[in-house]
Amino acid sequence: MSKVLVIGAGGVSSVCVHKMAMNAGIFSEIHLASRTKSKCDAIAASVKQRTGVDVATYEIDAEEVPALTRLIEQTGV
């Protein structure tokens, strides 16, 4: 089982996170980060409703490398 961090909360990310949640035996923890946390929260709510899997969400600008590094260290992905 593994932890995963998905950067971005667009259409492709949404599909990927839903598919990961359907394979909880492979993806033990799903983390979703984007500049717009509300988009991440909407995806997480949809995943929870459809699969029962919790998705942790974060607000981050992926171009801010030190902040991204801290998030990776914090989550352990």
Protein backbone atom coordinates (compact mmCIF):
# COMPACT_ATOMS: atom_id res chain seq x y z
CA MET A 1 0.00 0.00 0.00
CA SER A 2 1.23 3.47 -0.76
CA LYS A 3 0.56 7.13 -0.17
CA VAL A 4 0.00 9.43 -3.13
CA LEU A 5 -0.05 13.20 -3.58
CA VAL A 6 -1.97 14.55 -6.56
CA ILE A 7 -1.19 18.14 -7.56
CA GLY A 8 -4.06 19.95 -9.27
CA ALA A 9 -7.84 19.72 -8.99
CA GLY A 10 -8.98 19.69 -12.60
CA GLY A 11 -10.90 17.08 -14.54
CA VAL A 12 -8.03 14.63 -14.99
CA SER A 13 -7.07 14.83 -11.33
CA SER A 14 -10.67 14.25 -10.30
CA VAL A 15 -10.91 11.08 -12.37
CA CYS A 16 -7.54 9.85 -11.10
CA VAL A 17 -8.42 10.43 -7.44
CA HIS A 18 -11.75 8.64 -7.85
CA LYS A 19 -10.02 5.66 -9.50
CA MET A 20 -7.35 5.58 -6.77
CA ALA A 21 -10.07 5.54 -4.12
CA MET A 22 -11.63 2.54 -5.86
CA ASN A 23 -8.31 0.75 -5.36
CA ALA A 24 -7.76 1.35 -1.66
CA GLY A 25 -5.68 -1.81 -1.45
CA ILE A 26 -3.05 -0.09 -3.57
CA PHE A 27 -3.48 3.54 -2.46
CA SER A 28 -3.60 3.59 1.34
CA GLU A 29 -3.64 7.39 1.59
CA ILE A 30 -4.71 9.94 -1.00
CA HIS A 31 -3.66 13.57 -0.68
CA LEU A 32 -4.92 16.25 -3.07
CA ALA A 33 -3.42 19.73 -3.37
CA SER A 34 -4.22 22.72 -5.55
CA ARG A 35 -4.17 26.51 -5.50
CA THR A 36 -7.93 26.39 -4.92
CA LYS A 37 -8.69 24.28 -1.85
CA SER A 38 -12.43 24.46 -2.47
CA LYS A 39 -11.93 22.44 -5.68
CA CYS A 40 -9.96 19.84 -3.73
CA ASP A 41 -12.67 19.74 -1.07
CA ALA A 42 -15.37 19.20 -3.71
CA ILE A 43 -13.45 16.29 -5.21
CA ALA A 44 -12.83 14.83 -1.73
CA ALA A 45 -16.55 15.08 -0.91
CA SER A 46 -17.46 13.31 -4.14
CA VAL A 47 -14.94 10.55 -3.46
CA LYS A 48 -16.22 10.12 0.10
CA GLN A 49 -19.83 9.91 -1.12
CA ARG A 50 -19.06 7.42 -3.90
CA THR A 51 -16.44 5.21 -2.26
CA GLY A 52 -16.34 5.99 1.46
CA VAL A 53 -12.63 6.86 1.18
CA ASP A 54 -11.27 10.00 2.83
CA VAL A 55 -9.03 12.29 0.78
CA ALA A 56 -6.85 14.85 2.57
CA THR A 57 -6.85 18.26 0.89
CA TYR A 58 -4.40 21.15 0.88
CA GLU A 59 -4.03 24.60 -0.65
CA ILE A 60 -0.67 25.06 -2.33
CA ASP A 61 0.95 26.72 -5.31
CA ALA A 62 3.10 24.01 -6.90
CA GLU A 63 5.49 26.65 -8.20
CA GLU A 64 6.48 27.48 -4.61
CA VAL A 65 9.06 24.75 -4.25
CA PRO A 66 9.85 25.22 -0.53
CA ALA A 67 6.15 25.00 0.36
CA LEU A 68 5.71 21.96 -1.86
CA THR A 69 8.74 20.32 -0.26
CA ARG A 70 7.27 20.94 3.22
CA LEU A 71 3.96 19.38 2.14
CA ILE A 72 5.72 16.30 0.82
CA GLU A 73 7.67 15.96 4.07
CA GLN A 74 4.53 16.58 6.15
CA THR A 75 2.45 13.96 4.36
CA GLY A 76 5.21 11.41 3.92
CA VAL A 77 4.35 10.75 0.28
